Amino acid sequence: MKKLGFSLLFSFVMLGILATTVLANPIGTPNPTGGLNAEIDPAGDVGTLNPNANGTGTGINNPNAFEDVILSQDMIDNKGHLGDQKTHTSYQNNTNSCASCHQTHTAKARNLLFADSAYQTCSACHDGTLGFYNVFANGEQAGTAGTFGGTHSGNMSVHLANGAVKVKSAPGGNANGTGSWDGTFTCASCHAPHGSYSDRLLHYNPNNMGLTTPDKGGILASKIDVVNFAARNTGVSASSDRFRAVRGTKTEHAITDAAYNSIPDNAVVIMVYEKNAANTAYTKTTNPWLYGYTTTANGRDYYSRLFTVTKDEIDTIINWDQGFGTIRNYSAAANFTNAVIDQNDYLNGSGILGFKYDKGLVYAYPMTNADGTPDLRGVNLLNDAKSAHIGRAYSVKLKLDPVPGALSNVVTKHDVPALWGTGGSGAAVSQWCTTCHTDYLYAASTGNGNDRKSIHGNYNNEQYFGHTTTSAGYTCLRCHYAHGTDVEIMVDANGDNIRDLQKTVENGGKGWTRDIAVAYMKDKNPSSALKKFTNMTGCWACHNSSKAGSLKNTNRDPDHPNGMFTDPSKK
């Protein structure tokens, strides 16, 4: 297999947005017009990133070349239909998708990856040579997430996902962090290759924030009270807990649509509710619950579980799952028999509870024993629950449209402006991005005094202010690309890119040469910071109209912007 060229690797290391520095001059042969990297889009259209099937190997699904990429093509699915199977999700019972990324006995990297890193493994398919989403495409061919394929001369910046930097390098993050903060930043830091609750395989637990408390930037519902539905808002105030686990019926939780048909109408259901911004009520959340466990000295530490003891007593329970495989036989601590409600209650045939992790709930209903007597063990457990500790997953839904002319409806493009406004999921995007850039999740209403300081002690632990990122209209993706940026895809305040500027005046352009257009559009700052709008034109594009109350006697020439261009990625 070929390895990533040193010049490209070094440029990514130095130029990545996570590294926060940008070289003034390109390494190797200069490209004064700001074209694509030769390593990615060379003459002859044969790239060098892909270690397999890129014109230098023997192809795809070659039975005599074990180093080649294996794709699940021309497969029969579980319903008898012929077609291609997905690589990352929706695995069929005859799947061959595992072999697309893993080698069982002769892998190059940990986790049995066939290439020598996560970045190389992902690039094998996503460099454009196999027909998948090309994350290195630039210019008109770039995706809605931007590009990793910029150039030094175009002042590129990227999320440096090749493992060269650590997560704690993220601006606004925890520079001195340990644990997940100290991990290397790779493609798998943002994407979950085996499936996700979000579109674009966005990771369900980025930077482990699903298991991190809100005061540290996460969404873990840690040691919360279980209350009945009628009492869910009792005692709500600014000082009450952010989350409560609420016990009620399907009707009370308003989960009566078809997605919940498998839950009987007489079931007891517990879901997580979150306090609203006004501190006046708790509202239902539908974040999936994290599941699985890590081995600890005391046994199995489950991510999501409930307790029949108060939240203040949780820490006193040690070795609480010694009864694994038996039904509610926990007596690890004195007087705490049956203290824990978790996966053990439905594993191994016990089946007295139902966990719907993807819907973020646990339920139980009256059952009947073989002799006809009622079995209320599950119902009684949930009715006895007093506290909960719930690991919560992130879920970001995007509006994905089919790509005209694509061979499969699996190939989609993100309609980014659909994030904005009522009904958009833009705020969820910001919450997801700020699992690493934690200080950048900012609500203007909270920045009105000494109450706004970095949760990591950044900025000399002094008060700071930031742009609002918590509304659907003001989100990370309004101003930034997720993968990277470059002069080829940036726009000015009018939403024009370098190709627009080269059009004739009659066709709405300026008639400029490419050199003039590139010089005009190139970001002049030390880092282009993943921006969609060059320099600071994103500010001017937005604040010239609805926020223009303080703009007096400014130079508003005939082609000044009139409101922010919806989204550069539409170009």
Protein backbone atom coordinates (compact mmCIF):
# COMPACT_ATOMS: atom_id res chain seq x y z
CA MET A 1 0.00 0.00 0.00
CA LYS A 2 1.12 3.51 -0.68
CA LYS A 3 1.47 5.88 2.23
CA LEU A 4 0.44 9.52 2.41
CA GLY A 5 3.03 11.73 0.76
CA PHE A 6 5.32 13.48 3.24
CA SER A 7 4.71 16.91 1.76
CA LEU A 8 0.96 16.56 2.09
CA LEU A 9 1.18 15.11 5.59
CA PHE A 10 3.51 17.87 6.73
CA SER A 11 1.31 20.55 5.22
CA PHE A 12 -1.72 19.17 7.04
CA VAL A 13 0.23 19.08 10.29
CA MET A 14 1.26 22.70 9.95
CA LEU A 15 -1.85 24.08 8.35
CA GLY A 16 -4.64 22.34 10.24
CA ILE A 17 -7.07 24.54 12.06
CA LEU A 18 -6.53 22.51 15.18
CA ALA A 19 -2.84 23.30 14.99
CA THR A 20 -3.85 26.98 14.77
CA THR A 21 -0.92 27.95 12.54
CA VAL A 22 -0.64 28.50 8.81
CA LEU A 23 2.50 28.64 6.72
CA ALA A 24 2.92 31.76 4.62
CA ASN A 25 4.53 29.87 1.73
CA PRO A 26 3.76 26.45 0.28
CA ILE A 27 6.09 23.51 0.67
CA GLY A 28 7.43 22.15 -2.58
CA THR A 29 6.48 23.64 -5.92
CA PRO A 30 4.55 26.91 -5.51
CA ASN A 31 1.09 27.13 -7.00
CA PRO A 32 0.49 30.87 -7.43
CA THR A 33 -3.04 30.47 -8.75
CA GLY A 34 -4.26 28.61 -5.69
CA GLY A 35 -5.10 25.37 -7.51
CA LEU A 36 -5.51 21.94 -5.95
CA ASN A 37 -2.74 20.02 -4.27
CA ALA A 38 -0.85 17.97 -6.82
CA GLU A 39 -0.79 15.02 -4.45
CA ILE A 40 -4.58 14.90 -4.50
CA ASP A 41 -5.52 15.98 -8.01
CA PRO A 42 -2.47 15.50 -10.22
CA ALA A 43 -2.24 15.44 -13.97
CA GLY A 44 -3.81 12.25 -15.24
CA ASP A 45 -6.30 12.19 -12.35
CA VAL A 46 -4.50 9.46 -10.39
CA GLY A 47 -4.27 10.44 -6.74
CA THR A 48 -1.69 9.13 -4.29
CA LEU A 49 -3.75 9.22 -1.10
CA ASN A 50 -5.68 6.04 -1.75
CA PRO A 51 -3.51 3.02 -0.94
CA ASN A 52 -5.80 0.82 -3.02
CA ALA A 53 -7.77 0.83 -6.25
CA ASN A 54 -6.68 4.25 -7.44
CA GLY A 55 -5.23 3.29 -10.75
CA THR A 56 -1.93 2.15 -9.24
CA GLY A 57 -3.26 -1.10 -7.77
CA THR A 58 -5.15 -4.03 -9.16
CA GLY A 59 -8.67 -2.83 -8.53
CA ILE A 60 -11.66 -3.55 -6.32
CA ASN A 61 -12.81 -6.95 -5.06
CA ASN A 62 -9.87 -8.70 -6.68
CA PRO A 63 -9.74 -12.20 -5.14
CA ASN A 64 -6.01 -12.38 -5.81
CA ALA A 65 -5.10 -9.02 -4.23
CA PHE A 66 -5.80 -9.04 -0.52
CA GLU A 67 -4.64 -5.46 -0.11
CA ASP A 68 -7.41 -4.05 -2.28
CA VAL A 69 -10.62 -2.48 -1.04
CA ILE A 70 -13.53 -4.89 -0.79
CA LEU A 71 -16.98 -3.43 -1.43
CA SER A 72 -20.35 -5.07 -0.77
CA GLN A 73 -21.53 -4.82 -4.35
CA ASP A 74 -24.09 -6.98 -6.17
CA MET A 75 -25.31 -8.49 -2.91
CA ILE A 76 -28.68 -10.02 -2.03
CA ASP A 77 -30.17 -8.35 1.04
CA ASN A 78 -32.34 -9.86 3.77
CA LYS A 79 -35.45 -9.33 1.60
CA GLY A 80 -34.03 -11.04 -1.49
CA HIS A 81 -33.27 -7.84 -3.39
CA LEU A 82 -30.10 -7.48 -5.45
CA GLY A 83 -28.01 -4.35 -4.93
CA ASP A 84 -25.16 -2.73 -3.08
CA GLN A 85 -25.02 -2.89 0.69
CA LYS A 86 -23.96 0.01 2.88
CA THR A 87 -20.46 0.02 4.27
CA HIS A 88 -21.06 1.67 7.63
CA THR A 89 -24.66 0.91 8.69
CA SER A 90 -27.70 -1.26 7.99
CA TYR A 91 -25.70 -4.47 8.05
CA GLN A 92 -27.46 -7.40 6.41
CA ASN A 93 -27.31 -10.97 7.67
CA ASN A 94 -25.00 -11.89 4.79
CA THR A 95 -22.89 -8.73 5.08
CA ASN A 96 -19.43 -8.48 3.63
CA SER A 97 -19.00 -4.83 4.63
CA CYS A 98 -16.60 -5.54 7.51
CA ALA A 99 -13.89 -6.40 4.99
CA SER A 100 -14.10 -2.91 3.49
CA CYS A 101 -12.15 -1.53 6.47
CA HIS A 102 -10.83 -4.47 8.49
CA GLN A 103 -8.50 -7.40 8.00
CA THR A 104 -8.95 -10.19 10.47
CA HIS A 105 -5.38 -11.52 10.75
CA THR A 106 -3.10 -9.20 8.79
CA ALA A 107 -4.17 -5.70 9.71
CA LYS A 108 -1.85 -2.69 9.53
CA ALA A 109 -3.18 -0.90 12.63
CA ARG A 110 -5.10 -1.35 15.85
CA ASN A 111 -8.75 -2.27 15.59
CA LEU A 112 -7.76 -4.45 12.64
CA LEU A 113 -7.72 -1.54 10.19
CA PHE A 114 -6.35 -2.55 6.80
CA ALA A 115 -4.38 0.73 6.48
CA ASP A 116 -1.89 2.08 9.00
CA SER A 117 -4.23 4.66 10.58
CA ALA A 118 -7.88 5.69 10.73
CA TYR A 119 -7.09 8.59 8.40
CA GLN A 120 -5.50 6.34 5.78
CA THR A 121 -8.31 3.81 6.04
CA CYS A 122 -10.98 6.45 5.52
CA SER A 123 -9.01 8.10 2.71
CA ALA A 124 -8.87 4.83 0.82
CA CYS A 125 -12.52 5.30 -0.11
CA HIS A 126 -13.07 9.00 0.41
CA ASP A 127 -10.40 10.46 -1.84
CA GLY A 128 -12.68 10.29 -4.87
CA THR A 129 -11.20 7.25 -6.57
CA LEU A 130 -13.93 4.77 -5.64
CA GLY A 131 -17.01 6.88 -6.27
CA PHE A 132 -17.71 7.74 -2.64
CA TYR A 133 -17.91 11.23 -1.14
CA ASN A 134 -14.58 12.87 -1.99
CA VAL A 135 -13.51 14.92 1.02
CA PHE A 136 -10.51 16.30 -0.89
CA ALA A 137 -12.49 17.77 -3.81
CA ASN A 138 -12.13 21.52 -4.14
CA GLY A 139 -13.73 24.30 -6.12
CA GLU A 140 -17.06 23.50 -7.75
CA GLN A 141 -16.70 19.83 -6.81
CA ALA A 142 -16.26 20.44 -3.07
CA GLY A 143 -18.86 19.00 -0.73
CA THR A 144 -21.04 20.96 1.66
CA ALA A 145 -18.56 20.23 4.47
CA GLY A 146 -15.78 22.06 2.62
CA THR A 147 -12.53 20.43 1.63
CA PHE A 148 -9.38 18.85 2.98
CA GLY A 149 -7.80 19.50 -0.41
CA GLY A 150 -6.81 23.14 -0.19
CA THR A 151 -3.41 24.65 -0.90
CA HIS A 152 -0.87 26.72 0.99
CA SER A 153 -1.12 29.44 -1.61
CA GLY A 154 -4.88 29.49 -1.06
CA ASN A 155 -4.42 29.86 2.74
CA MET A 156 -6.15 26.57 3.42
CA SER A 157 -7.15 25.47 6.92
CA VAL A 158 -8.52 22.07 7.89
CA HIS A 159 -9.68 20.04 10.82
CA LEU A 160 -6.43 18.11 11.12
CA ALA A 161 -7.82 14.58 11.29
CA ASN A 162 -4.69 12.55 10.53
CA GLY A 163 -3.78 11.94 14.18
CA ALA A 164 -1.02 14.55 14.30
CA VAL A 165 -2.69 16.63 17.03
CA LYS A 166 -4.74 15.89 20.12
CA VAL A 167 -8.34 16.77 20.80
CA LYS A 168 -7.26 19.31 23.41
CA SER A 169 -5.71 21.39 20.62
CA ALA A 170 -9.21 22.57 19.71
CA PRO A 171 -9.65 26.33 20.17
CA GLY A 172 -12.00 26.95 23.05
CA GLY A 173 -11.29 23.51 24.45
CA ASN A 174 -9.41 22.15 27.43
CA ALA A 175 -5.74 22.65 26.57
CA ASN A 176 -4.66 20.87 29.75
CA GLY A 177 -7.31 18.17 29.62
CA THR A 178 -6.79 14.50 30.27
CA GLY A 179 -8.81 11.44 29.34
CA SER A 180 -10.66 11.94 26.05
CA TRP A 181 -9.12 15.42 25.71
CA ASP A 182 -5.70 13.79 25.52
CA GLY A 183 -6.68 11.48 22.67
CA THR A 184 -5.49 11.94 19.10
CA PHE A 185 -7.82 13.73 16.70
CA THR A 186 -8.81 11.53 13.75
CA CYS A 187 -11.72 11.03 11.38
CA ALA A 188 -13.25 8.80 14.07
CA SER A 189 -13.27 11.72 16.52
CA CYS A 190 -16.16 13.23 14.57
CA HIS A 191 -17.66 10.25 12.73
CA ALA A 192 -18.83 6.85 14.00
CA PRO A 193 -17.98 4.33 11.26
CA HIS A 194 -20.23 1.58 12.64
CA GLY A 195 -23.38 3.67 12.85
CA SER A 196 -24.78 6.77 14.45
CA TYR A 197 -28.01 8.41 15.59
CA SER A 198 -27.12 11.38 13.37
CA ASP A 199 -26.88 12.00 9.67
CA ARG A 200 -23.42 11.91 8.09
CA LEU A 201 -22.42 9.38 10.78
CA LEU A 202 -21.70 12.21 13.23
CA HIS A 203 -20.40 10.60 16.39
CA TYR A 204 -22.95 9.78 19.08
CA ASN A 205 -20.46 10.44 21.90
CA PRO A 206 -17.89 12.97 20.61
CA ASN A 207 -15.05 13.62 23.03
CA ASN A 208 -16.91 11.41 25.54
CA MET A 209 -19.25 14.31 26.25
CA GLY A 210 -22.25 12.01 26.49
CA LEU A 211 -20.66 10.76 29.71
CA THR A 212 -19.49 14.18 30.89
CA THR A 213 -21.52 16.44 33.17
CA PRO A 214 -22.88 19.78 31.87
CA ASP A 215 -20.52 21.83 34.03
CA LYS A 216 -17.69 20.33 31.95
CA GLY A 217 -19.45 20.77 28.63
CA GLY A 218 -21.31 17.46 28.36
CA ILE A 219 -24.89 16.19 28.53
CA LEU A 220 -24.63 13.36 31.09
CA ALA A 221 -27.69 13.17 33.35
CA SER A 222 -25.69 12.34 36.45
CA LYS A 223 -27.33 11.24 39.70
CA ILE A 224 -30.73 12.75 39.00
CA ASP A 225 -34.04 12.29 40.79
CA VAL A 226 -36.81 10.09 39.42
CA VAL A 227 -40.18 11.82 39.83
CA ASN A 228 -43.74 11.13 38.74
CA PHE A 229 -45.05 13.00 35.72
CA ALA A 230 -47.44 15.13 37.76
CA ALA A 231 -44.57 16.31 39.97
CA ARG A 232 -42.04 16.89 37.18
CA ASN A 233 -42.02 20.69 37.66
CA THR A 234 -42.28 20.74 41.45
CA GLY A 235 -39.57 22.94 42.94
CA VAL A 236 -38.11 23.96 39.57
CA SER A 237 -35.79 26.94 39.93
CA ALA A 238 -32.44 28.27 38.80
CA SER A 239 -30.77 26.11 41.45
CA SER A 240 -32.62 22.86 40.74
CA ASP A 241 -30.92 20.08 38.79
CA ARG A 242 -30.70 20.47 35.03
CA PHE A 243 -32.22 17.02 34.44
CA ARG A 244 -34.94 14.90 35.99
CA ALA A 245 -36.00 11.36 35.14
CA VAL A 246 -39.77 11.42 34.77
CA ARG A 247 -41.98 8.38 35.29
CA GLY A 248 -45.26 8.36 33.40
CA THR A 249 -47.44 6.72 30.77
CA LYS A 250 -47.12 6.81 27.01
CA THR A 251 -49.90 9.35 26.87
CA GLU A 252 -48.30 11.59 29.48
CA HIS A 253 -44.97 11.49 27.65
CA ALA A 254 -46.76 12.06 24.31
CA ILE A 255 -45.11 9.04 22.69
CA THR A 256 -48.16 7.56 21.02
CA ASP A 257 -46.96 7.56 17.40
CA ALA A 258 -46.06 4.46 15.43
CA ALA A 259 -42.43 4.49 16.51
CA TYR A 260 -43.56 3.44 19.99
CA ASN A 261 -46.14 0.80 19.03
CA SER A 262 -44.05 -1.97 20.59
CA ILE A 263 -44.58 -0.42 24.04
CA PRO A 264 -47.94 -1.45 25.54
CA ASP A 265 -50.32 1.34 26.43
CA ASN A 266 -50.35 0.30 30.10
CA ALA A 267 -46.56 0.46 30.43
CA VAL A 268 -44.66 2.51 32.97
CA VAL A 269 -42.14 4.63 31.04
CA ILE A 270 -39.18 6.64 32.37
CA MET A 271 -37.57 9.34 30.19
CA VAL A 272 -35.10 12.18 30.84
CA TYR A 273 -36.49 15.73 31.02
CA GLU A 274 -34.38 18.91 30.86
CA LYS A 275 -35.00 22.26 32.52
CA ASN A 276 -35.85 25.08 30.12
CA ALA A 277 -33.80 28.27 29.81
CA ALA A 278 -36.34 30.24 31.85
CA ASN A 279 -35.99 27.80 34.78
CA THR A 280 -39.77 27.36 34.89
CA ALA A 281 -40.40 23.82 33.65
CA TYR A 282 -38.86 20.53 32.56
CA THR A 283 -39.44 19.31 29.02
CA LYS A 284 -38.96 15.88 27.48
CA THR A 285 -35.70 15.02 25.72
CA THR A 286 -35.37 12.32 23.11
CA ASN A 287 -31.59 11.94 23.11
CA PRO A 288 -30.72 8.26 22.79
CA TRP A 289 -29.15 6.63 25.85
CA LEU A 290 -25.63 5.30 25.67
CA TYR A 291 -25.20 1.61 26.34
CA GLY A 292 -22.36 -0.82 26.76
CA TYR A 293 -19.96 -1.06 29.62
CA THR A 294 -16.35 -0.75 30.62
CA THR A 295 -14.66 -3.24 32.88
CA THR A 296 -13.76 -1.80 36.26
CA ALA A 297 -12.24 -3.18 39.43
CA ASN A 298 -15.75 -3.41 40.84
CA GLY A 299 -17.30 -5.20 37.92
CA ARG A 300 -19.30 -3.77 35.04
CA ASP A 301 -19.99 -0.06 35.05
CA TYR A 302 -23.01 0.49 32.81
CA TYR A 303 -23.49 3.80 31.05
CA SER A 304 -27.24 4.09 31.67
CA ARG A 305 -28.93 2.75 34.80
CA LEU A 306 -31.53 3.52 37.45
CA PHE A 307 -31.49 2.97 41.20
CA THR A 308 -33.99 2.22 43.93
CA VAL A 309 -31.94 4.39 46.28
CA THR A 310 -31.63 8.17 46.39
CA LYS A 311 -29.05 9.96 44.28
CA ASP A 312 -27.03 10.75 47.41
CA GLU A 313 -26.68 7.03 48.14
CA ILE A 314 -25.50 5.95 44.71
CA ASP A 315 -21.82 6.30 45.51
CA THR A 316 -22.17 3.93 48.46
CA ILE A 317 -23.06 1.02 46.21
CA ILE A 318 -19.92 -0.91 45.34
CA ASN A 319 -19.59 -4.14 43.38
CA TRP A 320 -23.28 -3.70 42.64
CA ASP A 321 -23.49 -6.03 39.65
CA GLN A 322 -22.08 -9.16 41.27
CA GLY A 323 -25.39 -10.78 40.50
CA PHE A 324 -24.91 -10.61 36.74
CA GLY A 325 -27.09 -13.26 35.14
CA THR A 326 -29.58 -13.45 37.99
CA ILE A 327 -32.77 -11.45 38.38
CA ARG A 328 -32.47 -8.62 40.86
CA ASN A 329 -30.14 -10.43 43.20
CA TYR A 330 -28.03 -7.49 44.25
CA SER A 331 -26.86 -7.20 47.83
CA ALA A 332 -23.45 -5.68 47.38
CA ALA A 333 -24.02 -3.12 50.07
CA ALA A 334 -26.01 -3.48 53.25
CA ASN A 335 -29.71 -2.69 52.85
CA PHE A 336 -29.33 -2.12 49.11
CA THR A 337 -30.81 -5.36 47.82
CA ASN A 338 -32.31 -4.81 44.34
CA ALA A 339 -30.69 -1.39 44.26
CA VAL A 340 -29.74 -1.30 40.59
CA ILE A 341 -31.97 -1.33 37.51
CA ASP A 342 -30.00 -1.95 34.33
CA GLN A 343 -29.39 -4.30 31.42
CA ASN A 344 -29.29 -7.30 33.75
CA ASP A 345 -33.05 -7.02 34.06
CA TYR A 346 -33.68 -8.03 30.49
CA LEU A 347 -30.54 -9.95 29.56
CA ASN A 348 -30.25 -13.71 29.92
CA GLY A 349 -33.94 -14.33 29.45
CA SER A 350 -35.18 -12.37 32.44
CA GLY A 351 -37.02 -9.90 30.22
CA ILE A 352 -38.80 -7.91 32.91
CA LEU A 353 -37.78 -4.52 31.50
CA GLY A 354 -37.52 -3.03 28.05
CA PHE A 355 -34.79 -0.55 27.17
CA LYS A 356 -35.23 1.52 24.00
CA TYR A 357 -31.82 3.12 23.89
CA ASP A 358 -32.43 4.79 20.54
CA LYS A 359 -35.55 6.51 21.94
CA GLY A 360 -34.03 7.36 25.31
CA LEU A 361 -36.35 5.45 27.63
CA VAL A 362 -36.91 2.36 29.76
CA TYR A 363 -40.31 0.74 30.24
CA ALA A 364 -42.08 -2.15 31.94
CA TYR A 365 -45.62 -3.46 31.81
CA PRO A 366 -47.71 -6.02 33.72
CA MET A 367 -46.79 -9.52 32.55
CA THR A 368 -48.27 -12.94 33.21
CA ASN A 369 -46.43 -15.97 34.55
CA ALA A 370 -46.89 -19.43 33.05
CA ASP A 371 -49.30 -20.34 35.84
CA GLY A 372 -51.47 -17.33 35.07
CA THR A 373 -50.39 -15.24 38.04
CA PRO A 374 -49.37 -11.62 37.42
CA ASP A 375 -45.68 -10.79 37.07
CA LEU A 376 -45.15 -7.20 38.20
CA ARG A 377 -41.42 -7.35 38.87
CA GLY A 378 -40.52 -4.88 36.13
CA VAL A 379 -43.34 -2.49 36.92
CA ASN A 380 -42.46 -2.58 40.61
CA LEU A 381 -38.80 -1.88 39.85
CA LEU A 382 -39.60 1.25 37.85
CA ASN A 383 -42.14 2.41 40.39
CA ASP A 384 -39.50 1.97 43.11
CA ALA A 385 -36.83 3.90 41.15
CA LYS A 386 -35.63 6.97 43.03
CA SER A 387 -32.58 8.08 41.03
CA ALA A 388 -30.85 7.60 37.70
CA HIS A 389 -27.49 8.00 36.02
CA ILE A 390 -28.00 8.24 32.25
CA GLY A 391 -25.31 8.53 29.59
CA ARG A 392 -26.90 10.44 26.73
CA ALA A 393 -26.01 10.33 23.06
CA TYR A 394 -25.89 13.23 20.60
CA SER A 395 -28.29 13.24 17.67
CA VAL A 396 -28.10 15.72 14.79
CA LYS A 397 -30.60 15.47 11.95
CA LEU A 398 -29.83 17.23 8.68
CA LYS A 399 -31.83 17.81 5.54
CA LEU A 400 -30.19 15.57 2.97
CA ASP A 401 -31.24 15.88 -0.66
CA PRO A 402 -30.46 13.43 -3.49
CA VAL A 403 -27.72 14.37 -5.89
CA PRO A 404 -29.01 14.66 -9.48
CA GLY A 405 -27.44 12.02 -11.67
CA ALA A 406 -26.05 9.97 -8.79
CA LEU A 407 -26.24 6.22 -9.21
CA SER A 408 -27.78 5.67 -5.78
CA ASN A 409 -30.20 7.50 -3.51
CA VAL A 410 -27.69 6.86 -0.76
CA VAL A 411 -25.57 9.66 -2.29
CA THR A 412 -26.89 12.91 -0.84
CA LYS A 413 -25.98 16.53 -0.35
CA HIS A 414 -26.66 18.55 2.77
CA ASP A 415 -29.12 21.42 2.39
CA VAL A 416 -27.27 23.57 4.92
CA PRO A 417 -29.68 26.56 5.04
CA ALA A 418 -32.41 24.16 6.22
CA LEU A 419 -30.65 24.36 9.60
CA TRP A 420 -31.66 27.97 10.05
CA GLY A 421 -34.89 29.21 11.54
CA THR A 422 -37.89 27.54 13.13
CA GLY A 423 -37.74 23.78 12.92
CA GLY A 424 -34.07 23.74 11.96
CA SER A 425 -31.51 21.67 13.82
CA GLY A 426 -28.82 24.34 13.76
CA ALA A 427 -28.64 24.60 17.55
CA ALA A 428 -28.05 20.85 17.76
CA VAL A 429 -25.14 21.25 15.35
CA SER A 430 -23.55 23.87 17.60
CA GLN A 431 -24.01 21.67 20.65
CA TRP A 432 -22.28 18.87 18.79
CA CYS A 433 -19.36 21.02 17.56
CA THR A 434 -18.77 22.44 21.02
CA THR A 435 -18.11 19.05 22.53
CA CYS A 436 -14.52 19.98 21.64
CA HIS A 437 -14.83 23.77 21.26
CA THR A 438 -16.69 23.95 24.56
CA ASP A 439 -16.19 27.65 25.32
CA TYR A 440 -17.81 28.57 21.99
CA LEU A 441 -21.29 27.34 22.95
CA TYR A 442 -22.54 30.75 23.89
CA ALA A 443 -25.96 32.19 24.58
CA ALA A 444 -26.02 35.98 24.53
CA SER A 445 -28.44 36.02 27.46
CA THR A 446 -25.83 34.47 29.75
CA GLY A 447 -23.00 36.83 28.86
CA ASN A 448 -24.21 39.79 30.87
CA GLY A 449 -21.84 39.92 33.81
CA ASN A 450 -19.24 37.96 35.66
CA ASP A 451 -21.22 34.76 35.19
CA ARG A 452 -19.51 33.85 31.93
CA LYS A 453 -16.06 32.34 32.34
CA SER A 454 -14.32 29.46 30.64
CA ILE A 455 -15.17 26.11 32.17
CA HIS A 456 -11.53 25.20 31.57
CA GLY A 457 -9.97 28.32 33.06
CA ASN A 458 -9.08 29.76 29.65
CA TYR A 459 -8.56 33.52 29.08
CA ASN A 460 -6.80 33.88 32.46
CA ASN A 461 -10.08 32.78 34.03
CA GLU A 462 -11.54 36.19 33.26
CA GLN A 463 -15.00 37.04 31.98
CA TYR A 464 -15.42 36.75 28.22
CA PHE A 465 -18.11 37.36 25.63
CA GLY A 466 -18.83 35.47 22.45
CA HIS A 467 -21.07 35.41 19.43
CA THR A 468 -24.37 33.63 19.99
CA THR A 469 -24.22 30.01 18.81
CA THR A 470 -27.25 28.53 20.57
CA SER A 471 -30.03 29.57 18.20
CA ALA A 472 -30.95 27.90 14.94
CA GLY A 473 -30.00 31.06 13.04
CA TYR A 474 -26.55 31.49 14.56
CA THR A 475 -24.68 28.22 14.43
CA CYS A 476 -21.19 27.00 13.74
CA LEU A 477 -22.09 26.02 10.18
CA ARG A 478 -23.39 29.49 9.38
CA CYS A 479 -19.82 30.75 9.25
CA HIS A 480 -17.53 27.70 9.11
CA TYR A 481 -16.97 24.58 7.07
CA ALA A 482 -16.66 21.32 9.00
CA HIS A 483 -13.75 19.83 7.04
CA GLY A 484 -11.75 22.76 5.75
CA THR A 485 -11.62 25.84 3.58
CA ASP A 486 -9.57 27.39 0.82
CA VAL A 487 -9.65 30.35 -1.57
CA GLU A 488 -11.35 28.08 -4.12
CA ILE A 489 -14.54 27.77 -2.06
CA MET A 490 -14.63 30.96 0.02
CA VAL A 491 -17.02 33.77 -0.89
CA ASP A 492 -17.19 37.50 -0.28
CA ALA A 493 -20.01 39.40 1.44
CA ASN A 494 -22.16 39.18 -1.69
CA GLY A 495 -21.75 35.41 -1.86
CA ASP A 496 -19.50 35.53 -4.94
CA ASN A 497 -16.63 33.07 -5.32
CA ILE A 498 -13.65 33.35 -7.62
CA ARG A 499 -15.53 31.74 -10.50
CA ASP A 500 -18.38 34.23 -10.16
CA LEU A 501 -15.93 37.14 -10.26
CA GLN A 502 -14.42 35.88 -13.51
CA LYS A 503 -17.77 35.96 -15.30
CA THR A 504 -18.44 38.83 -17.64
CA VAL A 505 -20.30 41.87 -16.39
CA GLU A 506 -23.21 40.91 -18.63
CA ASN A 507 -23.39 37.57 -16.79
CA GLY A 508 -23.30 39.10 -13.33
CA GLY A 509 -19.54 38.99 -12.75
CA LYS A 510 -16.76 41.52 -12.79
CA GLY A 511 -14.80 40.22 -15.76
CA TRP A 512 -11.67 39.73 -13.65
CA THR A 513 -8.82 37.43 -14.47
CA ARG A 514 -8.29 34.40 -12.22
CA ASP A 515 -5.19 36.00 -10.67
CA ILE A 516 -7.11 39.12 -9.64
CA ALA A 517 -10.05 37.05 -8.34
CA VAL A 518 -7.75 34.84 -6.25
CA ALA A 519 -5.86 37.84 -4.84
CA TYR A 520 -9.18 39.46 -3.92
CA MET A 521 -10.66 36.34 -2.29
CA LYS A 522 -7.63 34.97 -0.45
CA ASP A 523 -8.02 35.28 3.32
CA LYS A 524 -5.33 37.62 4.67
CA ASN A 525 -5.35 36.35 8.27
CA PRO A 526 -2.75 33.97 9.74
CA SER A 527 -5.38 31.24 9.58
CA SER A 528 -8.47 31.09 7.40
CA ALA A 529 -10.11 29.29 10.36
CA LEU A 530 -12.43 27.04 8.33
CA LYS A 531 -14.39 30.13 7.29
CA LYS A 532 -16.92 30.17 4.48
CA PHE A 533 -16.63 33.95 4.03
CA THR A 534 -13.18 35.36 3.35
CA ASN A 535 -11.50 37.63 5.89
CA MET A 536 -14.25 39.12 8.09
CA THR A 537 -16.86 39.49 5.36
CA GLY A 538 -19.18 37.15 7.22
CA CYS A 539 -19.68 39.97 9.71
CA TRP A 540 -20.35 42.55 7.00
CA ALA A 541 -22.65 40.20 5.10
CA CYS A 542 -24.90 39.76 8.11
CA HIS A 543 -24.62 43.08 9.93
CA ASN A 544 -25.28 45.36 6.94
CA SER A 545 -29.04 44.86 7.13
CA SER A 546 -30.97 43.52 10.11
CA LYS A 547 -28.18 44.40 12.55
CA ALA A 548 -27.17 47.66 10.87
CA GLY A 549 -28.61 50.13 13.36
CA SER A 550 -25.18 51.49 14.28
CA LEU A 551 -23.85 51.74 10.71
CA LYS A 552 -23.85 55.42 9.80
CA ASN A 553 -22.31 57.21 6.82
CA THR A 554 -20.46 54.11 5.67
CA ASN A 555 -19.33 53.39 2.16
CA ARG A 556 -22.32 51.54 0.77
CA ASP A 557 -21.48 51.24 -2.90
CA PRO A 558 -24.07 49.96 -5.40
CA ASP A 559 -23.18 46.28 -4.98
CA HIS A 560 -23.05 46.21 -1.19
CA PRO A 561 -24.64 43.10 0.34
CA ASN A 562 -28.25 43.16 1.42
CA GLY A 563 -28.48 40.42 4.00
CA MET A 564 -26.32 37.37 4.48
CA PHE A 565 -25.94 34.98 1.55
CA THR A 566 -27.82 31.81 2.52
CA ASP A 567 -24.87 29.46 2.32
CA PRO A 568 -21.69 29.32 0.24
CA SER A 569 -21.81 25.54 0.06
CA LYS A 570 -24.77 25.89 -2.34
CA LYS A 571 -22.17 26.98 -4.87
